[in-house]
Amino acid sequence: MKAEKQTTSLKRTLKTRDLIIYGLIFMIPLAPAGMYGAYLAPANGMVALCFLIGMVAMAFTGLSYRVMSQNYPMAGSVYVYVQKGVSPGLGFLTGWAILLDYLLLPATVVIIGSSFANALVPSVPVWIWSLLFIVFSTVINVIGVDLMSKCSWILFALQMVVIVAFSFCVIRLWVNGSIEFNTISFYNPERFDMSGILMATGMVILSYLGFDAISTLAEETIKPEKNVGKAIISSIFIIGIIFIVITFLAGMAYPNYQELNPDTAFLDIVNYVGGTGLTILTTFTLVLSFGIATTQASQTAVARVLFAMGRDGVLPKQLSYVSKKYQTPYVSVMLVGILIVPISLLFSLEVISTLVSFGALFGFILLNMTVIIKYYFKNPKRNERLKVKSVLNYLVCPLIGLIVTLWIFINLGVNAHTVGFLWLAAGFLYLMFVTKFFRNPVPQLELS
């Protein structure tokens, strides 16, 4: 047992394609199905346009992740990047902030998946579904990230079957003349309002949050300095195209969006184009997508951040214990499973969903700042800073990413800001305790 606890190396099995699928599962290809009705009113039906803008905006922050992952191919994601790029103290607060996002996200998707499951099988209470999803995810994550990856491939394939079936039904109706071709999801001159588009973009862009979780698997990836960044950029564009296609076809199938019930808008369109069979398949897939696939992916991510922070010594060392048999951070995985049980059972989706994006956006802001500070302003070679490639990679792109994420962060709700900053304050107090009021240095992993 002692030898097992001293092991802190993870098993490298993941390739670029595995990371891409992991990122896509985290962001959920069918995500528009759950929130489509909420986007319609502010976007005046131009939801596909909002997803297009969101994809381009998130790509700039994705480029910053690529820069940092090439230089620091380690588990811990933005926690490690800010720690090594700016300062250990700021790195800790960044890691503490994204823990809020990563701890709440598994509970969020468990709640959504359980509600869909209860709708399919009303005889089984929501709380039983929640416990089943959490236990299943925890077991899979303890056994190994390679098994989690295989499950992700299967569940991604199922989501793509639904998307292809939906696309086929819409195109069939168009070919038969039952519906007319239109571009209302991209541009409607009669209802175009830039303020509404920007408001809706601020909502849909949250669907892209999760690509950053790919970087938490760096120490389980083959050639992470190359593959992590490539997977992040690829996943953003692939999921963006999927989102755009889904919402474009939904708009073409049902242009009179004002008639739809915001709570069931997308499923109503699915029923309109594909009937009861496709609606049941879509609902079943949503259960698996939220309750199993994304629960697994999000639990994996937060466990790796806890693992990295435990290994550094800023959190209890036990969090860095790795199973000798499975080479997974089993203590962190099981702790996450325990923590999300009361969150998913006692808190409402409305309360949790307002807080999920605070940590991720806070991390994005500091990540983009880190790239600018470390690789542009602190670059000792002035000639390097003046090169077009350096200006684009280390100043222009991260600056755009910084502005976009800062804008979304500022426009979060009051509850998100209140709880988020209280969480940061608690982290600051904890850091003071660990460092004995900063008389001791902030613990961190020393790079060899």
Protein backbone atom coordinates (compact mmCIF):
# COMPACT_ATOMS: atom_id res chain seq x y z
CA MET A 1 0.00 0.00 0.00
CA LYS A 2 2.84 2.35 0.84
CA ALA A 3 4.42 1.92 -2.58
CA GLU A 4 1.05 2.57 -4.16
CA LYS A 5 0.61 5.87 -2.34
CA GLN A 6 4.07 7.11 -3.32
CA THR A 7 3.36 6.65 -7.02
CA THR A 8 2.59 9.95 -8.74
CA SER A 9 3.01 9.09 -12.41
CA LEU A 10 0.03 8.57 -14.68
CA LYS A 11 -0.30 6.09 -17.53
CA ARG A 12 0.26 7.54 -21.01
CA THR A 13 -2.21 5.96 -23.44
CA LEU A 14 -4.10 8.82 -25.12
CA LYS A 15 -3.57 10.00 -28.68
CA THR A 16 -4.74 13.19 -30.39
CA ARG A 17 -7.99 11.64 -31.58
CA ASP A 18 -8.78 10.43 -28.04
CA LEU A 19 -8.26 13.95 -26.69
CA ILE A 20 -10.48 15.42 -29.39
CA ILE A 21 -13.30 13.00 -28.59
CA TYR A 22 -12.85 13.72 -24.88
CA GLY A 23 -13.19 17.47 -25.55
CA LEU A 24 -16.23 16.97 -27.80
CA ILE A 25 -17.93 14.78 -25.20
CA PHE A 26 -17.18 17.39 -22.54
CA MET A 27 -18.83 20.12 -24.66
CA ILE A 28 -21.69 17.77 -25.68
CA PRO A 29 -22.48 17.76 -29.44
CA LEU A 30 -26.21 17.71 -28.59
CA ALA A 31 -25.91 20.63 -26.14
CA PRO A 32 -28.09 22.95 -28.31
CA ALA A 33 -30.98 20.52 -27.79
CA GLY A 34 -31.15 21.40 -24.12
CA MET A 35 -30.86 25.19 -24.38
CA TYR A 36 -32.12 26.01 -27.89
CA GLY A 37 -35.33 27.61 -26.65
CA ALA A 38 -33.43 29.98 -24.35
CA TYR A 39 -31.33 31.27 -27.25
CA LEU A 40 -34.16 31.98 -29.68
CA ALA A 41 -35.66 35.14 -28.18
CA PRO A 42 -32.51 37.25 -27.62
CA ALA A 43 -31.02 36.08 -30.95
CA ASN A 44 -34.32 36.68 -32.80
CA GLY A 45 -33.93 33.20 -34.27
CA MET A 46 -30.34 33.73 -35.49
CA VAL A 47 -28.86 31.08 -33.21
CA ALA A 48 -26.45 29.61 -35.78
CA LEU A 49 -24.88 33.05 -36.24
CA CYS A 50 -24.30 33.28 -32.48
CA PHE A 51 -22.62 29.86 -32.43
CA LEU A 52 -20.40 30.93 -35.35
CA ILE A 53 -19.29 34.07 -33.51
CA GLY A 54 -18.76 32.05 -30.34
CA MET A 55 -16.58 29.49 -32.14
CA VAL A 56 -14.29 32.18 -33.54
CA ALA A 57 -14.09 33.95 -30.17
CA MET A 58 -13.17 30.80 -28.22
CA ALA A 59 -10.56 29.83 -30.81
CA PHE A 60 -8.35 32.71 -29.64
CA THR A 61 -8.28 31.43 -26.07
CA GLY A 62 -7.70 27.95 -27.49
CA LEU A 63 -4.54 29.28 -29.16
CA SER A 64 -3.31 30.48 -25.77
CA TYR A 65 -3.85 26.97 -24.38
CA ARG A 66 -1.83 25.59 -27.27
CA VAL A 67 1.08 27.92 -26.51
CA MET A 68 1.17 26.97 -22.83
CA SER A 69 0.62 23.24 -23.36
CA GLN A 70 3.64 23.14 -25.67
CA ASN A 71 5.84 24.51 -22.91
CA TYR A 72 4.20 22.91 -19.87
CA PRO A 73 2.79 19.47 -20.85
CA MET A 74 1.56 18.70 -17.35
CA ALA A 75 -1.69 17.80 -15.60
CA GLY A 76 -3.28 20.77 -13.89
CA SER A 77 -4.28 22.84 -16.91
CA VAL A 78 -4.43 26.60 -16.37
CA TYR A 79 -3.39 26.16 -12.73
CA VAL A 80 0.05 25.00 -13.88
CA TYR A 81 0.24 27.50 -16.76
CA VAL A 82 -0.35 30.58 -14.59
CA GLN A 83 1.82 29.15 -11.79
CA LYS A 84 4.82 28.71 -14.08
CA GLY A 85 4.11 31.67 -16.34
CA VAL A 86 3.40 34.41 -13.77
CA SER A 87 3.61 33.38 -10.11
CA PRO A 88 2.86 30.37 -7.87
CA GLY A 89 0.42 32.41 -5.76
CA LEU A 90 -1.64 33.57 -8.72
CA GLY A 91 -1.44 30.06 -10.12
CA PHE A 92 -2.97 28.68 -6.93
CA LEU A 93 -5.85 31.17 -7.06
CA THR A 94 -6.43 30.25 -10.71
CA GLY A 95 -6.52 26.56 -9.84
CA TRP A 96 -8.81 27.31 -6.90
CA ALA A 97 -11.14 29.25 -9.23
CA ILE A 98 -11.45 26.52 -11.84
CA LEU A 99 -12.14 24.01 -9.07
CA LEU A 100 -15.43 25.86 -8.54
CA ASP A 101 -16.32 25.34 -12.20
CA TYR A 102 -15.05 21.76 -12.36
CA LEU A 103 -16.74 20.68 -9.12
CA LEU A 104 -20.10 22.14 -10.11
CA LEU A 105 -20.10 20.93 -13.72
CA PRO A 106 -20.34 17.19 -12.91
CA ALA A 107 -23.30 17.94 -10.61
CA THR A 108 -24.89 20.09 -13.33
CA VAL A 109 -24.79 17.38 -15.99
CA VAL A 110 -25.91 14.74 -13.48
CA ILE A 111 -29.01 16.84 -12.71
CA ILE A 112 -29.80 17.33 -16.41
CA GLY A 113 -29.20 13.67 -17.27
CA SER A 114 -31.31 12.52 -14.33
CA SER A 115 -34.22 14.76 -15.34
CA PHE A 116 -34.19 13.34 -18.87
CA ALA A 117 -33.92 9.79 -17.49
CA ASN A 118 -36.86 10.39 -15.15
CA ALA A 119 -38.90 11.65 -18.11
CA LEU A 120 -38.19 8.38 -19.95
CA VAL A 121 -38.73 6.14 -16.90
CA PRO A 122 -40.90 8.05 -14.39
CA SER A 123 -41.07 5.07 -12.03
CA VAL A 124 -37.40 5.55 -11.11
CA PRO A 125 -36.90 8.67 -8.93
CA VAL A 126 -34.47 11.39 -10.03
CA TRP A 127 -32.21 10.85 -7.00
CA ILE A 128 -31.67 7.18 -7.88
CA TRP A 129 -30.67 8.12 -11.42
CA SER A 130 -28.23 10.69 -9.98
CA LEU A 131 -26.57 8.12 -7.72
CA LEU A 132 -26.33 5.57 -10.54
CA PHE A 133 -24.64 8.08 -12.86
CA ILE A 134 -22.16 9.18 -10.17
CA VAL A 135 -21.23 5.64 -9.09
CA PHE A 136 -20.81 4.47 -12.69
CA SER A 137 -18.64 7.48 -13.57
CA THR A 138 -16.46 7.04 -10.48
CA VAL A 139 -15.84 3.36 -11.16
CA ILE A 140 -14.93 3.98 -14.79
CA ASN A 141 -12.57 6.82 -13.83
CA VAL A 142 -10.81 4.71 -11.19
CA ILE A 143 -10.33 1.78 -13.57
CA GLY A 144 -8.59 3.97 -16.11
CA VAL A 145 -8.68 6.91 -18.48
CA ASP A 146 -8.28 4.54 -21.44
CA LEU A 147 -11.59 2.83 -20.53
CA MET A 148 -13.19 6.26 -20.12
CA SER A 149 -11.89 7.11 -23.59
CA LYS A 150 -13.46 3.98 -25.10
CA CYS A 151 -16.81 4.86 -23.48
CA SER A 152 -16.49 8.39 -24.85
CA TRP A 153 -16.03 7.07 -28.39
CA ILE A 154 -19.20 4.96 -28.12
CA LEU A 155 -21.32 7.76 -26.67
CA PHE A 156 -19.97 10.28 -29.17
CA ALA A 157 -20.95 7.90 -31.97
CA LEU A 158 -24.49 7.66 -30.57
CA GLN A 159 -24.81 11.44 -30.50
CA MET A 160 -23.62 11.63 -34.09
CA VAL A 161 -26.25 9.04 -35.10
CA VAL A 162 -28.95 11.32 -33.68
CA ILE A 163 -27.47 14.39 -35.37
CA VAL A 164 -27.21 12.62 -38.74
CA ALA A 165 -30.77 11.27 -38.39
CA PHE A 166 -32.08 14.74 -37.56
CA SER A 167 -30.18 16.26 -40.49
CA PHE A 168 -31.51 13.58 -42.84
CA CYS A 169 -35.11 14.22 -41.74
CA VAL A 170 -34.79 17.97 -42.29
CA ILE A 171 -33.19 17.56 -45.71
CA ARG A 172 -35.83 15.00 -46.68
CA LEU A 173 -38.62 17.44 -45.82
CA TRP A 174 -36.86 20.14 -47.84
CA VAL A 175 -36.43 17.86 -50.87
CA ASN A 176 -40.10 16.84 -50.62
CA GLY A 177 -41.14 20.47 -50.55
CA SER A 178 -42.64 20.25 -47.04
CA ILE A 179 -40.33 23.01 -45.84
CA GLU A 180 -38.55 25.80 -47.69
CA PHE A 181 -34.85 26.56 -47.64
CA ASN A 182 -34.07 29.63 -45.53
CA THR A 183 -31.13 31.20 -43.71
CA ILE A 184 -33.06 32.63 -40.77
CA SER A 185 -30.63 31.06 -38.30
CA PHE A 186 -27.78 33.06 -39.84
CA TYR A 187 -29.41 36.30 -40.92
CA ASN A 188 -32.90 37.73 -40.74
CA PRO A 189 -32.85 41.34 -41.99
CA GLU A 190 -36.28 42.06 -40.56
CA ARG A 191 -35.30 41.15 -37.00
CA PHE A 192 -31.54 41.70 -36.91
CA ASP A 193 -30.45 43.43 -33.70
CA MET A 194 -26.76 43.53 -32.79
CA SER A 195 -27.37 43.94 -29.05
CA GLY A 196 -29.57 40.84 -29.07
CA ILE A 197 -26.98 38.90 -31.08
CA LEU A 198 -24.25 39.85 -28.59
CA MET A 199 -26.47 38.90 -25.65
CA ALA A 200 -27.26 35.51 -27.16
CA THR A 201 -23.59 34.98 -28.06
CA GLY A 202 -22.75 35.49 -24.40
CA MET A 203 -25.14 32.63 -23.65
CA VAL A 204 -24.17 30.17 -26.39
CA ILE A 205 -20.46 30.68 -25.82
CA LEU A 206 -20.84 28.82 -22.54
CA SER A 207 -21.49 25.68 -24.62
CA TYR A 208 -17.85 25.86 -25.71
CA LEU A 209 -16.54 25.79 -22.15
CA GLY A 210 -14.85 22.45 -21.62
CA PHE A 211 -12.24 22.40 -24.38
CA ASP A 212 -9.77 23.48 -21.68
CA ALA A 213 -10.32 20.17 -19.87
CA ILE A 214 -8.25 18.47 -22.58
CA SER A 215 -5.13 20.02 -21.04
CA THR A 216 -5.79 18.23 -17.74
CA LEU A 217 -4.93 14.93 -19.48
CA ALA A 218 -1.43 16.04 -20.54
CA GLU A 219 0.33 13.48 -18.34
CA GLU A 220 -1.78 10.65 -19.77
CA THR A 221 -1.13 11.72 -23.37
CA ILE A 222 1.48 10.48 -25.80
CA LYS A 223 3.63 13.47 -26.91
CA PRO A 224 1.52 16.01 -24.98
CA GLU A 225 3.58 19.03 -26.03
CA LYS A 226 2.33 18.42 -29.57
CA ASN A 227 -1.00 16.62 -29.22
CA VAL A 228 -2.73 18.62 -26.46
CA GLY A 229 -2.70 21.94 -28.32
CA LYS A 230 -3.70 20.31 -31.59
CA ALA A 231 -6.63 18.56 -29.91
CA ILE A 232 -7.84 21.76 -28.23
CA ILE A 233 -7.96 23.77 -31.45
CA SER A 234 -9.50 20.87 -33.40
CA SER A 235 -12.21 20.24 -30.79
CA ILE A 236 -13.27 23.91 -30.80
CA PHE A 237 -13.77 23.98 -34.57
CA ILE A 238 -15.36 20.53 -34.81
CA ILE A 239 -17.88 21.19 -32.04
CA GLY A 240 -18.53 24.65 -33.46
CA ILE A 241 -19.39 23.21 -36.88
CA ILE A 242 -21.68 20.64 -35.25
CA PHE A 243 -23.46 23.33 -33.23
CA ILE A 244 -23.85 25.54 -36.31
CA VAL A 245 -25.24 22.71 -38.48
CA ILE A 246 -27.74 21.61 -35.81
CA THR A 247 -29.08 25.11 -35.15
CA PHE A 248 -29.11 26.06 -38.85
CA LEU A 249 -31.22 23.01 -39.71
CA ALA A 250 -33.50 23.62 -36.72
CA GLY A 251 -34.10 27.16 -37.94
CA MET A 252 -34.73 25.97 -41.49
CA ALA A 253 -37.18 23.30 -40.30
CA TYR A 254 -39.14 25.63 -38.04
CA PRO A 255 -38.62 29.31 -38.94
CA ASN A 256 -41.63 30.44 -36.87
CA TYR A 257 -39.67 30.09 -33.65
CA GLN A 258 -42.07 32.35 -31.73
CA GLU A 259 -44.58 29.47 -31.70
CA LEU A 260 -42.20 27.11 -29.86
CA ASN A 261 -42.20 26.39 -26.14
CA PRO A 262 -38.80 27.63 -24.89
CA ASP A 263 -38.48 24.67 -22.50
CA THR A 264 -38.98 21.99 -25.17
CA ALA A 265 -38.19 23.91 -28.37
CA PHE A 266 -35.59 21.60 -29.89
CA LEU A 267 -37.39 18.37 -29.00
CA ASP A 268 -40.57 19.85 -30.50
CA ILE A 269 -38.68 20.45 -33.75
CA VAL A 270 -37.27 16.90 -33.61
CA ASN A 271 -40.79 15.55 -33.20
CA TYR A 272 -41.98 17.74 -36.10
CA VAL A 273 -39.35 16.47 -38.54
CA GLY A 274 -38.81 12.89 -37.31
CA GLY A 275 -41.83 11.85 -35.27
CA THR A 276 -42.04 10.02 -31.96
CA GLY A 277 -39.29 7.51 -32.77
CA LEU A 278 -36.61 10.14 -33.33
CA THR A 279 -37.80 12.10 -30.28
CA ILE A 280 -37.41 9.05 -28.02
CA LEU A 281 -33.97 8.29 -29.48
CA THR A 282 -32.91 11.90 -28.98
CA THR A 283 -34.12 11.94 -25.37
CA PHE A 284 -32.39 8.62 -24.65
CA THR A 285 -29.16 9.95 -26.16
CA LEU A 286 -29.42 13.12 -24.06
CA VAL A 287 -29.66 10.91 -20.95
CA LEU A 288 -26.45 9.11 -21.87
CA SER A 289 -24.72 12.29 -23.08
CA PHE A 290 -25.31 14.26 -19.90
CA GLY A 291 -25.65 11.51 -17.31
CA ILE A 292 -22.77 9.30 -18.41
CA ALA A 293 -20.47 10.82 -21.05
CA THR A 294 -20.09 14.35 -19.72
CA THR A 295 -20.26 13.23 -16.08
CA GLN A 296 -17.25 10.99 -16.76
CA ALA A 297 -15.37 13.67 -18.66
CA SER A 298 -15.95 16.41 -16.08
CA GLN A 299 -15.06 14.13 -13.16
CA THR A 300 -11.84 13.20 -14.96
CA ALA A 301 -10.91 16.86 -15.38
CA VAL A 302 -11.44 17.98 -11.80
CA ALA A 303 -9.65 14.90 -10.46
CA ARG A 304 -6.55 15.81 -12.49
CA VAL A 305 -6.54 19.38 -11.17
CA LEU A 306 -6.83 18.07 -7.59
CA PHE A 307 -4.05 15.57 -8.38
CA ALA A 308 -1.73 18.36 -9.59
CA MET A 309 -2.47 20.64 -6.64
CA GLY A 310 -2.03 17.75 -4.20
CA ARG A 311 1.29 16.80 -5.78
CA ASP A 312 2.48 20.39 -5.42
CA GLY A 313 1.50 20.39 -1.76
CA VAL A 314 -0.98 23.27 -1.86
CA LEU A 315 -3.75 20.74 -1.19
CA PRO A 316 -3.44 17.53 0.89
CA LYS A 317 -0.81 15.16 -0.53
CA GLN A 318 -3.28 12.27 -0.47
CA LEU A 319 -4.95 13.79 -3.54
CA SER A 320 -1.84 12.91 -5.56
CA TYR A 321 -1.93 9.21 -4.68
CA VAL A 322 -2.02 7.05 -7.80
CA SER A 323 -3.34 3.51 -8.01
CA LYS A 324 -0.49 1.10 -8.59
CA LYS A 325 -2.77 -1.21 -10.58
CA TYR A 326 -4.66 1.29 -12.73
CA GLN A 327 -2.26 4.28 -12.63
CA THR A 328 -5.11 6.72 -12.00
CA PRO A 329 -5.47 9.35 -9.22
CA TYR A 330 -8.01 7.24 -7.39
CA VAL A 331 -8.20 9.36 -4.23
CA SER A 332 -9.04 12.50 -6.21
CA VAL A 333 -11.55 10.61 -8.36
CA MET A 334 -13.38 9.15 -5.36
CA LEU A 335 -13.37 12.49 -3.52
CA VAL A 336 -15.03 14.17 -6.50
CA GLY A 337 -17.64 11.41 -6.62
CA ILE A 338 -18.41 11.95 -2.93
CA LEU A 339 -18.60 15.74 -3.25
CA ILE A 340 -20.97 15.85 -6.22
CA VAL A 341 -23.55 13.61 -4.53
CA PRO A 342 -24.90 16.25 -2.11
CA ILE A 343 -24.50 19.04 -4.68
CA SER A 344 -26.56 17.20 -7.30
CA LEU A 345 -29.21 16.10 -4.79
CA LEU A 346 -29.65 19.26 -2.72
CA PHE A 347 -29.15 22.16 -5.14
CA SER A 348 -31.30 23.22 -8.07
CA LEU A 349 -30.03 23.46 -11.63
CA GLU A 350 -30.83 27.18 -11.69
CA VAL A 351 -28.55 27.86 -8.70
CA ILE A 352 -25.63 25.76 -9.97
CA SER A 353 -25.79 26.85 -13.61
CA THR A 354 -25.28 30.52 -12.67
CA LEU A 355 -21.98 29.64 -11.00
CA VAL A 356 -20.44 27.13 -13.42
CA SER A 357 -18.84 29.62 -15.79
CA PHE A 358 -17.21 31.90 -13.19
CA GLY A 359 -14.18 29.69 -12.60
CA ALA A 360 -13.62 28.81 -16.26
CA LEU A 361 -13.82 32.43 -17.43
CA PHE A 362 -11.57 33.60 -14.57
CA GLY A 363 -9.05 31.00 -15.68
CA PHE A 364 -9.33 32.03 -19.35
CA ILE A 365 -8.68 35.68 -18.44
CA LEU A 366 -5.53 34.86 -16.48
CA LEU A 367 -4.34 32.38 -19.10
CA ASN A 368 -4.50 34.96 -21.90
CA MET A 369 -2.77 37.50 -19.64
CA THR A 370 -0.06 34.93 -18.88
CA VAL A 371 0.76 34.37 -22.56
CA ILE A 372 1.00 38.12 -23.18
CA ILE A 373 3.15 38.79 -20.11
CA LYS A 374 5.50 35.79 -20.31
CA TYR A 375 6.02 35.38 -24.04
CA TYR A 376 5.65 38.95 -25.29
CA PHE A 377 6.46 41.59 -22.67
CA LYS A 378 8.98 39.47 -20.74
CA ASN A 379 10.69 38.22 -23.88
CA PRO A 380 14.27 39.49 -23.47
CA LYS A 381 14.83 39.59 -27.22
CA ARG A 382 13.27 42.76 -28.62
CA ASN A 383 13.72 41.52 -32.21
CA GLU A 384 11.64 38.44 -31.39
CA ARG A 385 8.79 40.60 -30.08
CA LEU A 386 8.69 42.58 -33.33
CA LYS A 387 8.33 39.54 -35.60
CA VAL A 388 4.86 39.15 -37.12
CA LYS A 389 4.52 35.58 -35.82
CA SER A 390 5.34 36.63 -32.25
CA VAL A 391 3.00 39.62 -32.38
CA LEU A 392 0.15 37.39 -33.56
CA ASN A 393 0.78 34.42 -31.25
CA TYR A 394 1.79 36.25 -28.09
CA LEU A 395 -0.06 39.58 -28.29
CA VAL A 396 -2.92 39.87 -30.81
CA CYS A 397 -4.57 36.46 -30.39
CA PRO A 398 -4.38 36.29 -26.57
CA LEU A 399 -5.48 39.94 -26.37
CA ILE A 400 -8.61 39.14 -28.39
CA GLY A 401 -9.20 36.09 -26.20
CA LEU A 402 -8.74 38.26 -23.10
CA ILE A 403 -11.22 40.90 -24.28
CA VAL A 404 -13.88 38.33 -25.21
CA THR A 405 -13.65 36.34 -22.00
CA LEU A 406 -13.48 39.50 -19.86
CA TRP A 407 -16.62 40.82 -21.56
CA ILE A 408 -18.52 37.60 -20.84
CA PHE A 409 -17.15 37.49 -17.28
CA ILE A 410 -18.31 41.04 -16.52
CA ASN A 411 -21.80 40.22 -17.80
CA LEU A 412 -22.28 37.18 -15.55
CA GLY A 413 -25.12 37.42 -13.06
CA VAL A 414 -24.82 38.98 -9.60
CA ASN A 415 -25.10 35.57 -7.91
CA ALA A 416 -22.23 34.19 -9.95
CA HIS A 417 -20.00 37.15 -9.06
CA THR A 418 -20.96 37.04 -5.37
CA VAL A 419 -20.37 33.33 -4.86
CA GLY A 420 -17.35 33.32 -7.17
CA PHE A 421 -15.50 36.09 -5.39
CA LEU A 422 -16.38 34.62 -2.00
CA TRP A 423 -14.87 31.36 -3.23
CA LEU A 424 -11.72 33.22 -4.32
CA ALA A 425 -11.56 34.95 -0.92
CA ALA A 426 -11.73 31.57 0.80
CA GLY A 427 -8.90 30.36 -1.44
CA PHE A 428 -6.81 33.40 -0.57
CA LEU A 429 -7.31 32.78 3.15
CA TYR A 430 -6.37 29.13 2.69
CA LEU A 431 -3.21 30.18 0.81
CA MET A 432 -2.30 32.50 3.70
CA PHE A 433 -2.67 29.54 6.07
CA VAL A 434 -0.54 27.22 3.91
CA THR A 435 2.24 29.79 3.54
CA LYS A 436 2.00 31.04 7.16
CA PHE A 437 0.90 34.50 6.03
CA PHE A 438 3.26 34.35 3.04
CA ARG A 439 6.36 33.89 5.19
CA ASN A 440 6.93 30.61 3.32
CA PRO A 441 6.92 30.25 -0.47
CA VAL A 442 3.85 28.86 -2.22
CA PRO A 443 4.45 25.11 -2.76
CA GLN A 444 4.84 24.08 -6.39
CA LEU A 445 6.22 21.28 -8.51
CA GLU A 446 9.80 22.01 -9.49
CA LEU A 447 10.52 21.32 -13.15
CA SER A 448 13.66 19.35 -13.82
